[in-house]
Structures are given as C-alpha cells and as structure tokens.
Amino acid sequence: MHPDAYAPYPVVGDPARWGLTTTTVSTSAGPTVVRHRPGARPLLFLHGVAGSWTTWTPLLSAAGNVVGRGLVLVDLPGWGSSPAPAVPLDVDESSQVIVEVLDALGLDQADVVGHSMGAFVGLHLAVTRPDRVRSLGLVSGTTFATATAARHPVRALRTLPAFTLLRAGLAVTRRAAHGLLRGLARIGLLPLLAGPVFATVRRLDPSVLRAFVEEFRPVGFLGAARSAARYDTRRWAGVRCPVVAVSGRQDVFARVDDLARLGGVLPDVRTVLLEDCGHFAHVERPGAVVRELFS
C-alpha cells in the first residue's frame, strides 16, 4: 500500500510488530500503561479522544518503523488499557502523568507528538516542563477553536457545530453512549456517525472504525472539554521548542484559522494544512504527516 493513499494502513493492536514492551507505570493518577522501546532521540506519542497507543500504528507503518529511534506510546489514565481515575484528568494532571512516565523510563527529554487532546496536553507540557520537550508535533490538534467552543457552546453552534453537538449529546447519554456506538456498529450504521470525523469514511480500513468504537470514552471526552474551557491559551506563547502543526482541511473539531493563530502565538512554529483530511491526519494522511514531522 502506498503511504500517500488515503488511510492506507490498518490500526494494529500488536506491540511486538514495532518491538515494543508493555509496562504499567504507577503514577499520581493511577496505573498508566505504556508501550515503549529503547533507542536514540525518543519519540513520545500522546493520543486524543477516541484513541489509544494503537491510533498511532498507521503512522508507524508509514514511517518504516522510525529506524533507530526510541518510542514511547502512552495510554493516558482512563483511555486504552489504563484504568480510569475517579475523576477525568485535567490538562495539568495529564502533563504530570507524562513527566512521571518519562522518569520511570529514565528519559530526560523526548520529541513529543500529540493528536487532538494529546496535542493540547503536549502544548501544556512544553509550557510547564520545557526541559522535557525537545520538539513538539501537533497532529489535528484541538486548540483555539475548541477551547472557545467549550467556553461558549451556544456561540459554537455556528463556529464548531460538530464538537458542540457531540458534547451536548454526550452530556445527556454519558456512559450509555459507548453502548449506542457498539449498537450502531453492529447494524452497519457507524459510518454515518463517524462520517464527519473523517474526510472519506468509506475508504477507511474496517480496523479504524473498530478502534474508534473501542477507544471512545464519553466521560473522558466531557472531562477534556471542561479542562479546555478553563484553559488560558495565552500560556502557549511560552513554548520555546520547535513546533510543527499539521491539520486537515475537513477537520470538524478545529478550524483552518487555528493554524494561523498558532503561527501568531508560538515563537517557532511551522504549520501545514492537508487536503482530503479530517480529524485523524495520522490515520488519513500518514505519509504526509511522517514527512512533515520526521524529514
């Protein structure tokens, strides 16, 4: 499969394929499951909502195993294999978990790559612990527009309707939403619901939608939205490491002008807008993301 095709690779759940070891790290937020391997200049991957470490496997396939580099793929508490804390973590607590994971693995610094919510956490980590972040890659990051929509949901019905309506629906259904997603998947209607998230949902490998269903955490989504609503995005002006921000033109959880706003706030940033791409650039356009982040 050519890496520049749309969504050319499946989501894979076998860590051995990339030589990854699975470790559970005891953190201040509870047990945190990490897949990792040693190597030079480690890459730390932070998933987003409806994601876990497996969400990054299409990008790893496109990257040709990222030869020689260390890898750290974290399931944040409440996501993937990591047990949920009593209360969803805010961005500060999530960043602290990442520091504790790096400490446990004996890593001083990493090149951090975050998707969606993970990009938000990565930015905060670069602000609060610049000594731990060598560089930062933002993949379909939820940044300015999402934070504003979380604070002003009525206004956001015009500016970011998909995010706003999803949040409102989850506020009503909460934990039952996971069962509803599974039910839609069983009767073949999941593409209708997932359609807005991806540029071309019917071209996805079936494993992508299966992972979307399995990894979606309604309570975690609502917690992340509350944390974004409280966050002062002006803090991002304090990021001093190099940043590459990659977004899709059809991303319904962000706005194209988020890239321009990042360019006006971050001291050292390069922004890239990908065509025919929704909210999962590392799944939909993994070849392009690899070139922008690692070339």
Protein backbone atom coordinates (compact mmCIF):
# COMPACT_ATOMS: atom_id res chain seq x y z
CA MET A 1 0.00 0.00 0.00
CA HIS A 2 1.35 3.41 -0.95
CA PRO A 3 1.77 5.67 2.11
CA ASP A 4 0.30 8.66 0.22
CA ALA A 5 -3.00 6.91 -0.46
CA TYR A 6 -5.91 7.91 1.75
CA ALA A 7 -5.88 5.92 5.01
CA PRO A 8 -3.60 3.22 3.58
CA TYR A 9 -2.86 1.29 6.78
CA PRO A 10 -4.95 -0.54 9.37
CA VAL A 11 -4.90 0.05 13.10
CA VAL A 12 -2.81 -2.73 14.65
CA GLY A 13 -3.03 -3.97 18.24
CA ASP A 14 0.20 -5.99 18.34
CA PRO A 15 3.03 -4.06 20.07
CA ALA A 16 5.58 -6.71 19.08
CA ARG A 17 5.37 -5.55 15.47
CA TRP A 18 7.36 -2.45 16.47
CA GLY A 19 9.49 -4.14 19.10
CA LEU A 20 7.51 -2.52 21.90
CA THR A 21 7.48 -3.68 25.51
CA THR A 22 4.37 -3.11 27.62
CA THR A 23 4.94 -1.58 31.06
CA THR A 24 2.50 -0.34 33.68
CA VAL A 25 3.81 2.76 35.42
CA SER A 26 2.48 3.76 38.84
CA THR A 27 1.62 7.47 38.59
CA SER A 28 -0.13 10.08 40.71
CA ALA A 29 -3.27 9.46 38.63
CA GLY A 30 -3.13 5.70 38.89
CA PRO A 31 -1.68 2.87 36.77
CA THR A 32 -0.66 4.07 33.31
CA VAL A 33 0.06 1.55 30.57
CA VAL A 34 2.95 2.39 28.25
CA ARG A 35 4.28 0.64 25.14
CA HIS A 36 7.91 1.53 24.58
CA ARG A 37 11.26 0.53 23.15
CA PRO A 38 14.74 1.95 23.75
CA GLY A 39 16.58 3.97 21.14
CA ALA A 40 18.13 7.30 20.25
CA ARG A 41 16.16 10.56 20.42
CA PRO A 42 12.90 9.01 21.72
CA LEU A 43 9.52 9.91 20.28
CA LEU A 44 6.66 10.26 22.77
CA PHE A 45 3.16 9.86 21.29
CA LEU A 46 0.04 11.23 23.02
CA HIS A 47 -3.32 10.03 21.71
CA GLY A 48 -6.52 12.01 21.53
CA VAL A 49 -10.15 11.35 22.36
CA ALA A 50 -11.33 8.07 20.77
CA GLY A 51 -7.71 6.96 20.73
CA SER A 52 -5.00 4.99 22.47
CA TRP A 53 -1.50 3.87 21.55
CA THR A 54 -2.94 1.84 18.65
CA THR A 55 -4.19 5.00 16.92
CA TRP A 56 -0.57 5.76 16.05
CA THR A 57 0.12 2.45 14.30
CA PRO A 58 -0.83 3.67 10.78
CA LEU A 59 1.74 6.44 11.19
CA LEU A 60 4.34 3.93 12.45
CA SER A 61 3.62 1.78 9.38
CA ALA A 62 4.19 4.79 7.11
CA ALA A 63 7.35 5.75 8.99
CA GLY A 64 9.05 2.44 8.24
CA ASN A 65 9.50 1.62 11.92
CA VAL A 66 11.20 5.00 12.59
CA VAL A 67 14.54 3.22 12.40
CA GLY A 68 16.83 3.63 15.39
CA ARG A 69 14.54 5.86 17.41
CA GLY A 70 13.12 5.15 20.82
CA LEU A 71 9.34 5.02 21.04
CA VAL A 72 7.01 5.78 23.94
CA LEU A 73 3.27 5.38 23.38
CA VAL A 74 1.14 6.21 26.41
CA ASP A 75 -2.43 5.25 27.23
CA LEU A 76 -3.39 8.15 29.49
CA PRO A 77 -5.40 7.18 32.60
CA GLY A 78 -8.97 6.45 31.55
CA TRP A 79 -8.01 5.65 27.95
CA GLY A 80 -6.91 2.49 26.18
CA SER A 81 -5.60 -0.09 28.65
CA SER A 82 -5.12 2.35 31.53
CA PRO A 83 -7.78 2.26 34.27
CA ALA A 84 -9.95 5.33 34.65
CA PRO A 85 -9.37 7.61 37.63
CA ALA A 86 -12.33 8.60 39.81
CA VAL A 87 -12.46 11.97 38.03
CA PRO A 88 -11.19 12.59 34.46
CA LEU A 89 -7.78 14.25 34.42
CA ASP A 90 -7.37 17.89 33.50
CA VAL A 91 -4.53 19.05 31.27
CA ASP A 92 -2.21 19.75 34.20
CA GLU A 93 -2.72 16.29 35.70
CA SER A 94 -2.24 14.63 32.30
CA SER A 95 1.04 16.50 31.83
CA GLN A 96 2.21 15.36 35.26
CA VAL A 97 1.50 11.76 34.29
CA ILE A 98 3.72 12.19 31.21
CA VAL A 99 6.57 13.51 33.35
CA GLU A 100 6.22 10.53 35.68
CA VAL A 101 6.26 8.13 32.72
CA LEU A 102 9.44 9.72 31.36
CA ASP A 103 11.01 9.48 34.82
CA ALA A 104 10.06 5.81 35.14
CA LEU A 105 11.62 5.04 31.74
CA GLY A 106 14.77 7.01 32.58
CA LEU A 107 14.23 9.56 29.80
CA ASP A 108 15.26 13.18 30.27
CA GLN A 109 13.69 14.52 27.06
CA ALA A 110 11.54 13.43 24.15
CA ASP A 111 10.24 14.71 20.85
CA VAL A 112 6.53 14.88 21.68
CA VAL A 113 3.80 14.20 19.11
CA GLY A 114 0.18 14.71 20.13
CA HIS A 115 -3.13 14.18 18.39
CA SER A 116 -6.27 16.20 19.23
CA MET A 117 -6.46 16.24 23.05
CA GLY A 118 -2.90 14.89 23.09
CA ALA A 119 -1.73 17.99 21.21
CA PHE A 120 -3.35 20.16 23.88
CA VAL A 121 -1.52 18.18 26.58
CA GLY A 122 1.73 18.39 24.61
CA LEU A 123 1.48 22.17 24.39
CA HIS A 124 0.89 22.43 28.13
CA LEU A 125 3.80 20.10 28.82
CA ALA A 126 6.05 22.31 26.68
CA VAL A 127 4.91 25.34 28.71
CA THR A 128 5.24 23.82 32.18
CA ARG A 129 8.18 21.43 31.65
CA PRO A 130 10.22 22.79 28.74
CA ASP A 131 13.19 20.77 29.95
CA ARG A 132 11.37 17.55 28.98
CA VAL A 133 10.21 18.54 25.46
CA ARG A 134 12.83 18.70 22.70
CA SER A 135 10.30 19.41 19.94
CA LEU A 136 6.55 19.26 19.50
CA GLY A 137 4.38 17.87 16.72
CA LEU A 138 0.69 18.80 16.75
CA VAL A 139 -1.41 16.43 14.65
CA SER A 140 -5.01 17.57 14.13
CA GLY A 141 -4.65 19.50 17.35
CA THR A 142 -7.68 20.81 19.20
CA THR A 143 -6.51 24.28 20.15
CA PHE A 144 -8.07 27.75 20.00
CA ALA A 145 -11.42 26.98 18.37
CA THR A 146 -12.07 24.01 20.63
CA ALA A 147 -11.21 25.91 23.81
CA THR A 148 -13.51 28.77 22.74
CA ALA A 149 -16.31 26.35 21.83
CA ALA A 150 -16.02 24.64 25.20
CA ARG A 151 -16.41 28.01 26.94
CA HIS A 152 -19.22 29.33 24.73
CA PRO A 153 -21.29 26.35 23.49
CA VAL A 154 -24.22 28.37 22.15
CA ARG A 155 -21.97 30.59 20.04
CA ALA A 156 -20.04 27.48 18.97
CA LEU A 157 -23.12 26.03 17.24
CA ARG A 158 -22.09 28.34 14.40
CA THR A 159 -18.30 28.13 14.62
CA LEU A 160 -17.71 24.47 15.60
CA PRO A 161 -21.08 22.67 15.37
CA ALA A 162 -19.83 19.05 15.28
CA PHE A 163 -17.86 19.40 18.51
CA THR A 164 -20.68 21.30 20.21
CA LEU A 165 -23.44 18.88 19.24
CA LEU A 166 -21.34 15.86 20.20
CA ARG A 167 -20.61 17.38 23.59
CA ALA A 168 -24.30 18.15 24.16
CA GLY A 169 -25.33 14.64 23.17
CA LEU A 170 -22.77 13.04 25.45
CA ALA A 171 -23.85 15.24 28.34
CA VAL A 172 -27.25 13.53 28.06
CA THR A 173 -26.22 9.95 27.25
CA ARG A 174 -22.86 9.87 29.10
CA ARG A 175 -21.73 6.26 29.66
CA ALA A 176 -24.62 4.88 27.61
CA ALA A 177 -23.05 6.46 24.51
CA HIS A 178 -20.46 3.70 24.29
CA GLY A 179 -23.19 1.09 24.06
CA LEU A 180 -25.01 3.14 21.44
CA LEU A 181 -21.84 3.26 19.32
CA ARG A 182 -21.45 -0.50 19.58
CA GLY A 183 -25.06 -0.94 18.56
CA LEU A 184 -24.63 1.27 15.51
CA ALA A 185 -21.53 -0.69 14.55
CA ARG A 186 -23.44 -4.00 14.76
CA ILE A 187 -26.14 -2.81 12.36
CA GLY A 188 -23.74 -1.13 9.95
CA LEU A 189 -24.64 2.49 10.70
CA LEU A 190 -21.42 3.56 12.39
CA PRO A 191 -20.07 5.24 9.20
CA LEU A 192 -22.99 7.67 9.37
CA LEU A 193 -21.96 8.80 12.84
CA ALA A 194 -18.20 8.72 12.27
CA GLY A 195 -18.50 10.30 8.84
CA PRO A 196 -17.98 13.91 9.94
CA VAL A 197 -14.75 13.00 11.78
CA PHE A 198 -13.03 11.60 8.68
CA ALA A 199 -12.79 13.16 5.24
CA THR A 200 -13.87 9.94 3.48
CA VAL A 201 -15.16 7.43 5.99
CA ARG A 202 -15.99 4.70 3.47
CA ARG A 203 -12.37 4.47 2.34
CA LEU A 204 -11.18 3.55 5.83
CA ASP A 205 -9.89 0.11 6.72
CA PRO A 206 -12.52 -1.56 8.97
CA SER A 207 -9.98 -1.68 11.80
CA VAL A 208 -10.05 2.13 12.03
CA LEU A 209 -13.76 2.27 12.82
CA ARG A 210 -13.49 -0.70 15.19
CA ALA A 211 -10.78 1.14 17.10
CA PHE A 212 -12.87 4.34 17.07
CA VAL A 213 -15.71 2.46 18.78
CA GLU A 214 -13.50 0.65 21.28
CA GLU A 215 -11.45 3.68 22.31
CA PHE A 216 -14.17 6.31 22.59
CA ARG A 217 -14.70 7.34 26.23
CA PRO A 218 -17.71 9.67 26.71
CA VAL A 219 -16.82 10.65 30.29
CA GLY A 220 -13.23 11.33 29.25
CA PHE A 221 -14.42 13.48 26.33
CA LEU A 222 -16.57 15.59 28.63
CA GLY A 223 -13.72 15.93 31.11
CA ALA A 224 -11.34 17.05 28.35
CA ALA A 225 -13.89 19.64 27.18
CA ARG A 226 -14.24 21.04 30.72
CA SER A 227 -10.47 21.27 31.04
CA ALA A 228 -10.18 23.08 27.68
CA ALA A 229 -12.89 25.55 28.72
CA ARG A 230 -10.86 26.58 31.78
CA TYR A 231 -7.53 26.82 29.97
CA ASP A 232 -5.80 30.12 29.22
CA THR A 233 -4.41 29.61 25.71
CA ARG A 234 -2.23 32.71 26.09
CA ARG A 235 0.14 30.46 28.03
CA TRP A 236 1.22 28.88 24.75
CA ALA A 237 3.31 31.95 23.99
CA GLY A 238 5.75 30.47 26.48
CA VAL A 239 6.56 27.45 24.29
CA ARG A 240 10.21 27.69 23.27
CA CYS A 241 10.83 24.41 21.44
CA PRO A 242 10.34 23.99 17.66
CA VAL A 243 6.74 23.11 16.74
CA VAL A 244 5.19 21.59 13.62
CA ALA A 245 1.37 21.77 13.45
CA VAL A 246 -0.41 19.60 10.87
CA SER A 247 -4.18 19.80 10.32
CA GLY A 248 -6.74 18.59 7.78
CA ARG A 249 -8.89 21.00 5.83
CA GLN A 250 -12.02 18.93 6.60
CA ASP A 251 -11.37 18.74 10.36
CA VAL A 252 -14.70 19.36 12.13
CA PHE A 253 -13.10 19.63 15.59
CA ALA A 254 -10.81 22.51 14.60
CA ARG A 255 -10.81 25.48 12.27
CA VAL A 256 -8.36 26.26 9.49
CA ASP A 257 -7.59 29.61 11.10
CA ASP A 258 -6.30 27.78 14.20
CA LEU A 259 -3.07 27.26 12.25
CA ALA A 260 -2.69 30.99 11.61
CA ARG A 261 -3.39 31.72 15.27
CA LEU A 262 -0.72 29.22 16.32
CA GLY A 263 1.66 30.99 13.97
CA GLY A 264 0.92 34.25 15.72
CA VAL A 265 1.46 32.88 19.23
CA LEU A 266 4.19 30.22 19.11
CA PRO A 267 7.70 31.65 18.65
CA ASP A 268 8.99 28.78 16.46
CA VAL A 269 6.23 27.04 14.51
CA ARG A 270 5.68 25.66 11.03
CA THR A 271 2.08 24.96 10.01
CA VAL A 272 0.81 22.55 7.36
CA LEU A 273 -2.75 22.16 6.01
CA LEU A 274 -3.52 18.81 4.38
CA GLU A 275 -6.21 18.37 1.74
CA ASP A 276 -8.70 15.49 1.79
CA CYS A 277 -8.12 15.04 5.51
CA GLY A 278 -10.35 15.22 8.58
CA HIS A 279 -9.57 14.99 12.29
CA PHE A 280 -7.24 11.96 12.16
CA ALA A 281 -4.39 13.17 9.97
CA HIS A 282 -2.02 10.43 11.21
CA VAL A 283 -4.55 7.80 10.07
CA GLU A 284 -5.91 9.51 6.95
CA ARG A 285 -2.65 11.01 5.64
CA PRO A 286 0.14 9.17 7.50
CA GLY A 287 2.72 9.55 4.73
CA ALA A 288 2.34 13.33 4.66
CA VAL A 289 2.46 13.57 8.46
CA VAL A 290 5.64 11.49 8.57
CA ARG A 291 7.32 13.76 6.03
CA GLU A 292 6.32 16.92 7.88
CA LEU A 293 7.33 15.69 11.32
CA PHE A 294 10.35 13.48 10.72
CA SER A 295 12.02 14.53 7.45
